[in-house]
Protein backbone atom coordinates (compact mmCIF):
# COMPACT_ATOMS: atom_id res chain seq x y z
CA MET A 1 2.02 6.44 -104.98
CA SER A 2 -1.25 5.20 -106.48
CA VAL A 3 -4.63 6.25 -105.16
CA ALA A 4 -5.26 2.67 -104.03
CA HIS A 5 -1.97 2.53 -102.10
CA THR A 6 -2.62 5.97 -100.61
CA GLY A 7 -6.04 4.89 -99.36
CA SER A 8 -4.56 1.73 -97.83
CA TRP A 9 -1.82 3.70 -96.03
CA LYS A 10 -4.33 6.18 -94.61
CA ALA A 11 -6.57 3.39 -93.43
CA LEU A 12 -3.62 1.66 -91.76
CA ALA A 13 -2.51 4.92 -90.11
CA VAL A 14 -6.00 5.58 -88.77
CA GLY A 15 -6.18 2.07 -87.43
CA VAL A 16 -2.81 2.28 -85.71
CA SER A 17 -3.70 5.69 -84.27
CA ALA A 18 -6.94 4.34 -82.87
CA VAL A 19 -5.10 1.44 -81.24
CA LEU A 20 -2.51 3.78 -79.72
CA VAL A 21 -5.19 6.09 -78.37
CA GLY A 22 -6.98 3.10 -76.92
CA LEU A 23 -3.78 2.01 -75.24
CA THR A 24 -2.64 5.36 -73.90
CA LEU A 25 -5.78 7.20 -72.85
CA PRO A 26 -6.56 5.09 -69.74
CA THR A 27 -3.00 5.66 -68.48
CA VAL A 28 -3.28 9.42 -68.94
CA ALA A 29 -6.70 9.63 -67.29
CA ALA A 30 -5.82 7.48 -64.29
CA THR A 31 -3.40 9.60 -62.28
CA PRO A 32 -3.77 8.49 -58.67
CA ALA A 33 -2.99 10.80 -55.78
CA ALA A 34 0.44 10.00 -54.38
CA ALA A 35 2.32 10.59 -51.15
CA THR A 36 3.69 14.12 -50.76
CA THR A 37 6.20 13.01 -48.14
CA THR A 38 7.44 9.75 -46.67
CA ALA A 39 9.38 11.50 -43.93
CA TYR A 40 7.02 10.21 -41.25
CA ASP A 41 6.39 6.71 -42.58
CA ASP A 42 8.97 5.01 -40.36
CA THR A 43 7.94 6.95 -37.27
CA TYR A 44 4.57 8.70 -37.03
CA TYR A 45 2.75 6.46 -39.55
CA ALA A 46 4.66 3.24 -38.82
CA GLY A 47 1.54 1.46 -37.58
CA ALA A 48 -0.47 2.35 -40.70
CA ILE A 49 1.95 1.54 -43.50
CA GLY A 50 0.83 -1.42 -45.61
CA LYS A 51 -2.77 -1.38 -44.38
CA THR A 52 -5.93 -0.60 -46.31
CA GLY A 53 -9.68 -0.23 -45.81
CA THR A 54 -11.06 -0.30 -42.27
CA ALA A 55 -7.72 -1.48 -40.86
CA LEU A 56 -6.01 1.60 -42.27
CA LYS A 57 -8.75 3.90 -41.00
CA SER A 58 -8.58 2.39 -37.52
CA SER A 59 -4.81 2.63 -37.39
CA LEU A 60 -4.81 6.26 -38.53
CA HIS A 61 -7.48 7.07 -35.95
CA SER A 62 -5.28 5.72 -33.18
CA ILE A 63 -2.31 7.70 -34.46
CA ILE A 64 -3.93 11.09 -34.95
CA SER A 65 -6.06 10.93 -31.78
CA ASP A 66 -2.89 11.61 -29.79
CA GLN A 67 -3.59 15.32 -29.92
CA THR A 68 -3.37 18.47 -27.81
CA ALA A 69 -6.69 20.36 -27.86
CA ILE A 70 -6.57 24.16 -27.90
CA SER A 71 -9.22 26.66 -26.82
CA TYR A 72 -11.49 28.43 -29.29
CA SER A 73 -9.98 31.79 -28.38
CA ALA A 74 -6.49 30.40 -29.10
CA VAL A 75 -7.64 29.54 -32.63
CA TRP A 76 -7.50 33.24 -33.60
CA ASN A 77 -3.75 33.53 -33.11
CA ALA A 78 -3.08 30.04 -34.45
CA LEU A 79 -4.80 30.85 -37.76
CA LYS A 80 -2.67 33.96 -38.10
CA VAL A 81 0.32 31.61 -38.23
CA THR A 82 -1.02 28.57 -40.09
CA ASP A 83 -2.79 30.58 -42.78
CA GLN A 84 -0.35 33.43 -43.21
CA ASP A 85 -0.12 34.77 -46.74
CA PRO A 86 3.28 33.59 -48.08
CA ASN A 87 3.53 36.87 -50.00
CA ASN A 88 2.52 39.18 -47.15
CA SER A 89 3.31 38.23 -43.56
CA SER A 90 0.81 40.80 -42.27
CA ASN A 91 -2.12 38.96 -43.87
CA VAL A 92 -3.95 35.64 -43.87
CA VAL A 93 -5.37 33.92 -46.96
CA LEU A 94 -9.12 33.32 -46.76
CA LEU A 95 -10.15 29.78 -47.67
CA TYR A 96 -13.11 30.06 -50.06
CA SER A 97 -12.61 33.58 -51.38
CA GLY A 98 -8.82 33.43 -51.76
CA ILE A 99 -8.59 37.03 -50.52
CA SER A 100 -5.48 38.14 -48.62
CA ARG A 101 -6.69 40.12 -45.61
CA SER A 102 -4.96 41.80 -42.68
CA LYS A 103 -4.48 39.57 -39.65
CA THR A 104 -5.82 42.40 -37.50
CA LEU A 105 -9.24 42.31 -39.19
CA ASN A 106 -10.44 39.27 -37.28
CA GLY A 107 -13.87 39.53 -35.73
CA GLY A 108 -17.55 39.45 -36.56
CA ALA A 109 -18.17 42.64 -38.50
CA THR A 110 -18.59 43.09 -42.25
CA GLY A 111 -15.11 43.20 -43.77
CA ASN A 112 -13.64 41.02 -41.03
CA TRP A 113 -12.55 37.40 -41.24
CA ASN A 114 -13.65 34.80 -38.75
CA ARG A 115 -13.17 31.10 -37.95
CA GLU A 116 -14.77 28.82 -40.53
CA HIS A 117 -15.51 25.24 -39.49
CA THR A 118 -15.06 23.31 -42.73
CA TRP A 119 -16.85 20.37 -41.10
CA ALA A 120 -19.93 22.36 -40.08
CA GLN A 121 -20.47 22.53 -36.31
CA SER A 122 -24.10 21.45 -36.63
CA HIS A 123 -23.11 18.20 -38.36
CA GLY A 124 -22.62 16.44 -35.04
CA ASP A 125 -23.49 19.37 -32.77
CA PHE A 126 -19.97 19.85 -31.38
CA GLY A 127 -20.05 23.65 -31.19
CA THR A 128 -16.83 25.44 -30.27
CA SER A 129 -15.72 23.39 -27.29
CA ALA A 130 -12.13 22.09 -27.25
CA GLY A 131 -12.07 19.06 -29.55
CA PRO A 132 -13.68 19.00 -32.99
CA GLY A 133 -14.88 22.57 -32.47
CA THR A 134 -11.30 23.85 -32.15
CA ASP A 135 -9.41 21.37 -34.33
CA LEU A 136 -7.09 23.43 -36.53
CA HIS A 137 -7.00 20.75 -39.19
CA HIS A 138 -10.44 21.90 -40.35
CA LEU A 139 -10.60 25.49 -39.09
CA ARG A 140 -9.68 28.17 -41.62
CA PRO A 141 -10.02 31.98 -41.86
CA GLU A 142 -12.86 33.24 -44.03
CA ASP A 143 -14.72 36.46 -44.75
CA VAL A 144 -17.62 36.86 -42.31
CA GLN A 145 -20.26 37.15 -45.03
CA VAL A 146 -18.84 34.32 -47.13
CA ASN A 147 -18.76 32.13 -44.01
CA SER A 148 -22.44 32.92 -43.47
CA ILE A 149 -23.29 32.08 -47.09
CA ARG A 150 -21.61 28.71 -46.77
CA GLY A 151 -23.42 28.12 -43.47
CA ASN A 152 -23.67 24.40 -42.74
CA LYS A 153 -24.13 23.25 -46.34
CA ASP A 154 -22.61 20.04 -47.57
CA PHE A 155 -20.05 20.16 -50.39
CA ASP A 156 -20.96 19.41 -54.00
CA ASN A 157 -20.47 20.72 -57.54
CA GLY A 158 -22.66 23.47 -58.93
CA GLY A 159 -24.37 26.69 -57.94
CA SER A 160 -24.02 30.43 -58.50
CA SER A 161 -21.33 32.97 -57.69
CA PHE A 162 -21.70 35.58 -54.94
CA THR A 163 -19.84 38.61 -53.56
CA ASN A 164 -16.20 37.82 -52.68
CA SER A 165 -16.71 34.22 -53.83
CA GLY A 166 -13.26 33.95 -55.44
CA GLY A 167 -14.75 31.39 -57.79
CA SER A 168 -16.69 29.45 -55.14
CA LEU A 169 -20.34 28.63 -55.89
CA THR A 170 -23.43 27.89 -53.83
CA ASP A 171 -27.03 26.80 -54.23
CA SER A 172 -29.86 26.00 -51.84
CA ASN A 173 -28.26 22.93 -50.28
CA SER A 174 -24.58 22.75 -51.23
CA PHE A 175 -21.34 24.69 -51.54
CA GLU A 176 -18.55 24.34 -54.10
CA PRO A 177 -15.21 25.89 -53.06
CA ARG A 178 -12.89 27.52 -55.59
CA SER A 179 -10.81 25.04 -57.59
CA ALA A 180 -7.52 25.89 -55.83
CA VAL A 181 -8.79 24.55 -52.48
CA LYS A 182 -11.17 21.77 -53.44
CA GLY A 183 -8.62 19.15 -52.46
CA ASP A 184 -7.92 21.00 -49.21
CA VAL A 185 -11.62 20.85 -48.32
CA ALA A 186 -11.84 17.15 -49.16
CA ARG A 187 -8.81 16.27 -47.05
CA MET A 188 -10.06 18.35 -44.10
CA ILE A 189 -13.47 16.67 -44.14
CA LEU A 190 -11.96 13.19 -44.37
CA TYR A 191 -9.45 13.96 -41.62
CA MET A 192 -12.39 14.76 -39.34
CA ALA A 193 -14.08 11.47 -40.26
CA VAL A 194 -10.99 9.52 -39.19
CA ARG A 195 -10.10 11.59 -36.12
CA TYR A 196 -13.56 11.56 -34.53
CA GLU A 197 -14.94 8.01 -34.36
CA GLY A 198 -17.30 8.30 -31.41
CA ASP A 199 -14.93 6.75 -28.86
CA ASP A 200 -14.56 9.95 -26.85
CA ALA A 201 -17.01 12.68 -25.85
CA TRP A 202 -17.89 13.48 -29.47
CA GLU A 203 -20.09 12.00 -32.18
CA ASP A 204 -18.81 9.51 -34.75
CA LEU A 205 -18.27 11.78 -37.76
CA GLU A 206 -18.58 10.09 -41.17
CA PRO A 207 -18.74 11.13 -44.83
CA ASN A 208 -21.71 10.15 -46.97
CA ASP A 209 -23.08 10.97 -50.41
CA ALA A 210 -25.90 13.27 -49.27
CA VAL A 211 -26.29 17.05 -49.34
CA THR A 212 -29.13 17.20 -46.81
CA ASN A 213 -27.28 16.20 -43.63
CA GLY A 214 -28.44 19.07 -41.44
CA SER A 215 -27.62 18.25 -37.80
CA VAL A 216 -26.68 14.59 -38.17
CA PRO A 217 -22.94 13.76 -37.81
CA TYR A 218 -22.37 13.21 -41.53
CA HIS A 219 -20.89 15.34 -44.29
CA GLY A 220 -21.21 15.02 -48.03
CA ARG A 221 -20.83 14.55 -50.85
CA LEU A 222 -18.21 11.78 -50.50
CA SER A 223 -18.04 10.87 -54.19
CA VAL A 224 -17.33 14.52 -55.08
CA LEU A 225 -14.81 14.95 -52.25
CA LYS A 226 -12.88 11.98 -53.60
CA GLN A 227 -12.80 13.59 -57.05
CA TRP A 228 -11.56 16.85 -55.54
CA ASN A 229 -8.80 15.05 -53.67
CA GLU A 230 -7.55 13.62 -56.98
CA ALA A 231 -7.94 16.79 -59.03
CA ASP A 232 -6.33 19.18 -56.52
CA PRO A 233 -3.29 17.55 -54.83
CA PRO A 234 -1.76 19.05 -51.69
CA SER A 235 -0.07 22.41 -52.25
CA ALA A 236 3.00 23.82 -50.52
CA PHE A 237 0.65 26.05 -48.50
CA GLU A 238 -1.34 23.03 -47.30
CA GLU A 239 1.80 21.03 -46.48
CA ARG A 240 3.29 23.94 -44.50
CA ARG A 241 0.03 24.29 -42.61
CA ASN A 242 0.01 20.59 -41.71
CA GLU A 243 3.57 20.84 -40.43
CA LEU A 244 2.84 23.90 -38.29
CA ILE A 245 -0.22 22.33 -36.67
CA TYR A 246 1.82 19.22 -35.92
CA SER A 247 4.92 20.96 -34.56
CA ASN A 248 3.47 24.10 -32.92
CA TYR A 249 -0.06 23.36 -31.77
CA GLN A 250 -1.77 19.98 -31.75
CA GLY A 251 0.98 17.40 -32.21
CA ASN A 252 -1.02 15.49 -34.81
CA ARG A 253 -1.10 15.48 -38.60
CA ASN A 254 -3.68 15.27 -41.38
CA PRO A 255 -2.67 11.95 -42.96
CA PHE A 256 -4.42 12.76 -46.25
CA ILE A 257 -2.08 15.66 -46.87
CA ASP A 258 0.94 13.40 -46.42
CA HIS A 259 -0.71 10.46 -48.22
CA PRO A 260 -3.64 11.62 -50.40
CA GLU A 261 -3.77 8.11 -51.91
CA TRP A 262 -5.08 6.86 -48.55
CA VAL A 263 -8.46 8.46 -49.36
CA GLU A 264 -9.04 5.87 -52.07
CA ALA A 265 -7.52 3.15 -49.90
CA ILE A 266 -10.18 3.76 -47.21
CA TRP A 267 -13.22 4.88 -49.22
């Protein structure tokens, strides 16, 4: 083959390759979150199927508000079931640190695990009263000191590591959970925003894009939470947890675990 023909072939190949990349890359990058189960679509979620935006949010609120509230003391034993380590039935898995710790080490001392409110109690001032303060869909076991480090910070990317972080990071005004539970955190926060709409004794909880929410009933950062929902789809652990809360404790589900695509449909 002549040099001229070789140059023409290479130019054509480069051109075709560029076109193919241009055609395929958007498809690869755009992988939307999809339903993890449709088992409840004809029953539990029947009133929500086919809706979007505010209509979907309103419908889901009506569905998941049919809920049995438990006491804050009952949360201890519930977490020992919902967050049991699948590899060691004597332990629970701590949310941010990923540590497997004995179920018996629950309490307030160093080395213990306690009850972490993923939607910080101060963001709406609901405390630990039955309702948002005891809702298992956002309560998780966590190391006492790690829980304190997270405090009431909003969620965002960035920060520095700390003792028992498990890969989680924090800075002065935000907290980034370890990659394996970023989607879990997003779906818990957005569940709370749909469940508590201000039509009962509690504040209207809503997500926003701020990291300075303090005591107002908002939690951020929404744009990052949406990214986490896409990047970290529901795991078997999360799905099992959702099922246990529904069947054994509260009688309601986190719809974003069953249908993570509904996050984008609403927000």
